[in-house]
Protein backbone atom coordinates (compact mmCIF):
# COMPACT_ATOMS: atom_id res chain seq x y z
CA MET A 1 75.60 109.09 113.87
CA GLN A 2 77.39 112.61 114.00
CA ARG A 3 80.54 113.23 112.25
CA PRO A 4 83.30 112.63 115.04
CA LEU A 5 85.24 115.75 114.61
CA THR A 6 84.49 118.80 112.91
CA PRO A 7 86.62 120.23 110.57
CA ALA A 8 88.33 122.47 112.61
CA GLU A 9 88.89 119.75 115.21
CA VAL A 10 90.42 117.80 112.10
CA ILE A 11 92.97 120.31 111.61
CA ASP A 12 93.72 120.84 115.17
CA GLY A 13 94.67 117.23 115.07
CA ALA A 14 96.68 116.91 111.89
CA ILE A 15 99.91 118.83 112.79
CA SER A 16 103.22 117.13 112.82
CA PRO A 17 105.77 116.74 115.59
CA PHE A 18 108.40 118.86 113.16
CA ALA A 19 108.75 122.57 112.27
CA ASP A 20 109.23 122.23 108.67
CA TYR A 21 108.28 118.81 107.91
CA CYS A 22 105.00 117.39 107.29
CA ASP A 23 104.74 113.42 108.71
CA GLY A 24 102.82 110.61 107.62
CA TYR A 25 99.22 110.09 109.12
CA GLY A 26 99.28 107.53 112.10
CA ASN A 27 103.04 108.24 112.86
CA PRO A 28 103.68 109.08 116.79
CA GLY A 29 103.82 112.80 118.22
CA SER A 30 101.28 114.18 115.61
CA SER A 31 98.58 116.36 117.59
CA GLY A 32 95.63 114.44 117.05
CA THR A 33 93.80 111.72 114.81
CA GLY A 34 93.17 114.19 112.01
CA TYR A 35 95.00 114.34 108.72
CA VAL A 36 95.38 116.00 105.28
CA SER A 37 95.16 114.54 102.16
CA VAL A 38 97.65 115.87 99.39
CA LEU A 39 97.29 114.97 95.44
CA LYS A 40 100.12 114.52 93.14
CA LEU A 41 100.81 113.32 89.75
CA SER A 42 104.07 112.50 88.27
CA THR A 43 106.20 110.42 85.57
CA GLY A 44 109.92 109.67 85.68
CA THR A 45 112.35 107.91 82.99
CA VAL A 46 115.85 106.75 83.24
CA VAL A 47 118.30 105.34 80.21
CA LYS A 48 118.38 101.53 80.29
CA SER A 49 121.45 100.68 81.22
CA MET A 50 120.91 98.60 84.43
CA ASP A 51 118.85 95.68 85.17
CA SER A 52 115.18 96.17 85.07
CA VAL A 53 114.80 95.83 88.71
CA LEU A 54 117.02 98.91 88.99
CA GLU A 55 115.78 100.65 86.27
CA GLY A 56 112.38 100.30 87.87
CA ILE A 57 113.70 101.67 91.15
CA VAL A 58 115.23 104.80 89.53
CA SER A 59 112.28 105.67 87.30
CA TYR A 60 109.83 105.15 90.61
CA ASP A 61 111.95 107.51 92.46
CA ARG A 62 112.23 110.09 89.90
CA ALA A 63 108.50 110.17 89.92
CA GLU A 64 108.43 110.44 93.19
CA LYS A 65 110.87 113.49 93.37
CA ASN A 66 109.04 115.29 90.21
CA ASP A 67 106.28 117.80 90.61
CA ALA A 68 105.14 117.90 94.25
CA TYR A 69 108.40 116.54 96.07
CA ALA A 70 107.70 113.37 97.84
CA GLY A 71 110.98 111.79 97.72
CA GLN A 72 112.71 109.64 100.34
CA ILE A 73 109.98 108.25 101.68
CA ASN A 74 108.18 104.72 102.72
CA MET A 75 105.48 104.88 100.72
CA ILE A 76 102.55 102.64 102.00
CA THR A 77 99.37 101.89 99.79
CA ALA A 78 96.27 101.97 101.38
CA SER A 79 92.85 101.63 100.04
CA SER A 80 91.39 105.18 98.76
CA PHE A 81 88.83 107.46 100.87
CA SER A 82 89.22 110.96 102.16
CA GLY A 83 87.11 110.05 105.68
CA LEU A 84 85.20 111.82 108.25
CA ASN A 85 88.44 112.74 110.09
CA GLY A 86 90.33 114.07 107.05
CA VAL A 87 90.54 117.34 105.15
CA VAL A 88 92.08 118.01 100.92
CA TRP A 89 95.05 120.21 100.86
CA GLY A 90 93.77 122.76 98.41
CA TYR A 91 90.17 122.49 98.83
CA ASP A 92 88.85 122.31 102.47
CA VAL A 93 92.10 123.87 103.62
CA ALA A 94 93.87 126.73 101.74
CA ARG A 95 91.24 126.48 99.32
CA HIS A 96 92.78 127.28 95.39
CA ASP A 97 91.70 130.66 94.53
CA GLY A 98 90.41 129.26 91.11
CA LEU A 99 87.96 127.39 93.29
CA ILE A 100 86.94 130.59 95.29
CA ASP A 101 86.71 132.78 92.22
CA GLY A 102 84.83 130.64 90.00
CA SER A 103 87.50 130.83 87.35
CA VAL A 104 87.64 126.83 87.34
CA LYS A 105 85.15 125.68 85.29
CA PRO A 106 83.52 121.86 85.04
CA GLN A 107 84.57 120.11 82.12
CA PHE A 108 81.57 118.27 81.62
CA HIS A 109 78.83 116.64 83.90
CA ARG A 110 77.41 113.56 84.62
CA THR A 111 74.20 112.27 85.90
CA ARG A 112 73.79 110.70 89.33
CA HIS A 113 71.10 108.17 89.86
CA ASP A 114 68.68 110.31 91.30
CA GLY A 115 68.91 112.75 88.52
CA VAL A 116 71.26 115.37 90.11
CA GLU A 117 74.16 116.63 87.81
CA ILE A 118 77.85 116.23 89.18
CA PRO A 119 79.89 119.02 87.80
CA VAL A 120 83.34 117.41 86.92
CA TYR A 121 86.32 119.63 87.26
CA PRO A 122 89.95 119.24 86.39
CA VAL A 123 92.34 118.22 89.17
CA GLU A 124 95.26 120.61 88.27
CA PRO A 125 94.10 123.26 91.04
CA LEU A 126 94.65 120.49 93.72
CA LEU A 127 97.63 119.25 92.00
CA GLU A 128 99.10 122.61 92.10
CA ALA A 129 97.98 123.23 95.96
CA GLY A 130 100.18 120.10 96.83
CA GLU A 131 103.19 121.58 94.79
CA ARG A 132 102.83 124.80 96.46
CA LEU A 133 102.71 122.85 99.81
CA PHE A 134 105.62 120.20 99.80
CA GLY A 135 107.46 122.36 97.22
CA THR A 136 109.75 120.86 94.12
CA ALA A 137 113.03 118.93 94.47
CA ASP A 138 115.14 121.96 93.67
CA SER A 139 113.07 124.17 96.02
CA ARG A 140 111.47 122.23 99.04
CA ARG A 141 108.72 124.03 101.46
CA PHE A 142 107.25 121.76 103.77
CA PRO A 143 108.27 117.98 102.39
CA LEU A 144 107.18 115.13 104.12
CA LEU A 145 110.02 114.13 106.26
CA PRO A 146 112.78 111.82 104.67
CA GLY A 147 112.51 108.26 105.99
CA SER A 148 109.02 108.64 107.33
CA HIS A 149 106.37 105.93 106.86
CA VAL A 150 103.22 107.75 104.53
CA ILE A 151 100.30 105.94 104.09
CA CYS A 152 99.24 106.96 100.34
CA ALA A 153 96.04 106.12 98.28
CA THR A 154 98.41 105.24 95.25
CA LYS A 155 99.30 103.20 91.75
CA ASP A 156 102.01 103.05 89.61
CA VAL A 157 103.04 101.44 86.44
CA THR A 158 106.70 101.12 85.00
CA ALA A 159 107.29 100.19 80.99
CA SER A 160 110.22 99.90 78.63
CA GLY A 161 110.02 102.30 75.87
CA PRO A 162 109.12 103.11 73.13
CA THR A 163 105.70 103.39 74.51
CA SER A 164 104.03 105.87 76.67
CA VAL A 165 103.02 105.87 80.51
CA TRP A 166 100.42 107.67 82.27
CA SER A 167 98.87 108.12 85.77
CA ALA A 168 95.14 109.59 86.39
CA ILE A 169 93.58 110.77 89.72
CA ALA A 170 89.91 111.33 90.42
CA LEU A 171 88.42 112.68 93.86
CA ALA A 172 84.69 112.45 94.38
CA PHE A 173 83.38 114.68 97.33
CA ALA A 174 80.54 112.95 99.02
CA GLU A 175 77.55 115.28 99.62
CA ASP A 176 77.12 114.34 103.29
CA ARG A 177 80.65 114.58 104.46
CA GLY A 178 79.36 114.03 107.97
CA SER A 179 78.48 110.50 107.25
CA ASN A 180 80.43 109.56 104.20
CA SER A 181 84.03 109.19 103.03
CA SER A 182 84.82 111.31 99.82
CA LEU A 183 86.29 108.52 97.13
CA PHE A 184 89.91 108.45 95.19
CA ILE A 185 90.06 106.79 92.04
CA GLU A 186 93.60 106.08 90.84
CA ASP A 187 94.32 104.50 87.49
CA VAL A 188 97.43 104.08 85.44
CA GLY A 189 98.64 102.62 82.35
CA GLN A 190 100.71 102.28 79.24
CA ASP A 191 100.76 102.06 75.49
CA VAL A 192 98.05 104.95 74.67
CA VAL A 193 97.69 104.75 70.76
CA GLY A 194 98.48 108.02 69.12
CA ALA A 195 101.26 109.32 66.71
CA THR A 196 101.51 112.55 69.19
CA HIS A 197 101.41 113.86 72.26
CA ALA A 198 98.33 115.60 71.77
CA ASP A 199 97.06 112.56 70.19
CA ARG A 200 97.57 110.65 73.15
CA GLU A 201 96.16 113.20 75.45
CA SER A 202 92.81 113.17 73.27
CA VAL A 203 92.59 109.56 74.06
CA LEU A 204 93.31 109.80 77.62
CA CYS A 205 90.59 112.64 78.14
CA SER A 206 88.03 110.33 77.04
CA ARG A 207 89.46 107.58 79.45
CA MET A 208 88.69 109.93 82.17
CA GLU A 209 84.60 109.51 81.51
CA ASN A 210 85.41 105.99 82.29
CA ILE A 211 87.23 107.02 85.73
CA VAL A 212 84.28 109.32 86.13
CA GLU A 213 81.45 106.77 85.44
CA SER A 214 83.54 104.23 87.83
CA ILE A 215 83.03 106.65 90.71
CA ILE A 216 79.56 107.23 89.91
CA LEU A 217 79.01 103.09 89.88
CA CYS A 218 80.75 103.12 93.50
CA GLY A 219 78.74 105.50 94.70
CA ASP A 220 75.31 103.74 93.49
CA ASP A 221 76.83 100.29 95.37
CA GLN A 222 76.93 102.18 98.86
CA ASN A 223 74.29 104.43 98.24
CA VAL A 224 76.67 107.60 98.45
CA LYS A 225 76.05 110.46 96.72
CA TYR A 226 78.71 112.62 95.36
CA LYS A 227 78.34 116.81 94.53
CA GLU A 228 81.38 116.89 92.46
CA ILE A 229 84.28 115.54 91.17
CA PHE A 230 87.78 116.16 90.28
CA VAL A 231 89.88 114.29 87.93
CA GLY A 232 92.99 114.55 85.57
CA PHE A 233 95.80 112.89 84.02
CA LYS A 234 99.69 113.14 83.28
CA THR A 235 101.43 111.09 80.50
CA GLU A 236 105.36 110.78 79.24
CA TRP A 237 106.33 109.21 76.01
CA VAL A 238 109.30 106.74 76.92
CA PRO A 239 111.75 106.27 74.15
CA ASP A 240 113.34 103.25 73.17
CA GLY A 241 116.19 102.62 75.10
CA SER A 242 114.39 104.06 78.39
CA VAL A 243 112.28 102.76 81.04
CA GLY A 244 109.49 105.10 82.29
CA CYS A 245 107.43 105.30 85.66
CA ALA A 246 103.52 106.97 85.75
CA LEU A 247 102.57 107.37 89.47
CA THR A 248 99.50 108.70 90.95
CA CYS A 249 99.06 109.03 94.71
CA ALA A 250 97.78 110.86 97.59
CA PRO A 251 99.41 111.10 100.60
CA TYR A 252 97.55 110.86 104.04
CA ALA A 253 99.69 113.67 105.79
CA VAL A 254 100.02 116.01 109.11
CA LEU A 255 101.34 119.25 108.40
CA ALA A 256 104.76 120.79 109.21
CA GLN A 257 104.21 123.29 112.51
CA ASN A 258 105.51 126.14 110.47
CA ALA A 259 102.87 125.66 107.44
CA VAL A 260 100.28 126.09 110.16
CA PRO A 261 98.68 129.57 111.39
CA SER A 262 97.31 129.99 115.06
CA PRO A 263 94.75 128.79 115.38
CA PRO A 264 95.05 125.86 113.09
CA SER A 265 91.46 126.28 111.93
CA ASP A 266 92.14 129.54 110.38
CA LEU A 267 93.38 127.41 107.08
CA LEU A 268 89.55 126.53 106.45
CA THR A 269 89.11 130.03 105.64
CA MET A 270 92.26 130.76 104.00
CA SER A 271 92.83 130.90 100.21
CA LEU A 272 95.80 129.20 98.90
CA SER A 273 97.31 132.40 97.98
CA GLN A 274 96.69 134.05 101.38
CA TRP A 275 98.42 130.95 103.11
CA GLU A 276 101.42 131.09 100.76
CA SER A 277 101.64 135.16 102.19
CA PHE A 278 101.70 133.49 105.48
CA VAL A 279 104.19 131.50 105.10
CA ALA A 280 106.37 133.55 103.14
CA PRO A 281 108.63 135.06 105.85
CA ARG A 282 108.88 131.70 107.28
CA LEU A 283 110.42 130.41 104.44
CA ALA A 284 112.42 132.98 103.89
CA ALA A 285 113.62 133.30 107.39
CA ARG A 286 114.70 129.72 106.82
CA THR A 287 116.62 130.21 103.82
CA GLU A 288 118.59 133.33 105.18
CA GLY A 289 119.51 130.77 108.14
CA GLN A 290 120.84 128.35 106.12
């Protein structure tokens, strides 16, 4: 079987009906059947002063709005694949400069069942790319449309302090993306043992190896070979008297019109910094017009 869409056709079909807002994949009005996956990890906390349901809502909303801004959306949980009609922001399109110049190095390697060594990279370049697309709560660029329904590969955990909360994400790119999906793995948890933040991060670094192992097993189960993996986590200490939430998600989105060059397929050859240079005048004009 052949891939139903070329990468250029995916981008052509992944444009929002809105000038300055990205939108959720599958909503009416987009340019076609393509989508762009954007990666996000965040945490949020709130002082305990309400009931547990409300404290969970506020801490979750704070996690949504922190880092890459994904606030005010109706997040719909989906299983976790970037398929044949999808591309990944920061990797396939507006590729992070560190991935182009080779300055982003593998953290370690894992061996596939056929003996091939898979490089495992830090996920931070893809998280950074997502933040540079959506912007932040205080400096929004092309965020998801407020109130939109957005399918996401996502998990979250909420816990009362004193404890730690953490979220992790991994993305394994299929070797043959013409016939296989790339795989997201999301993981969350609490109560990482460790006296300091550095201690807890050390424990979580070892857990990333388990996430990578789960990817290898999933690939073996479905006879899918992954060529490279990106993985990382975020953690925050939740003090006594507070509630914390850790969120991992990858929205399936279509891109704001003003975030896209003409032709849209130029995104396939643009670096992230080149894309920022392209959109800078549009963002400046929008700011001046407010």
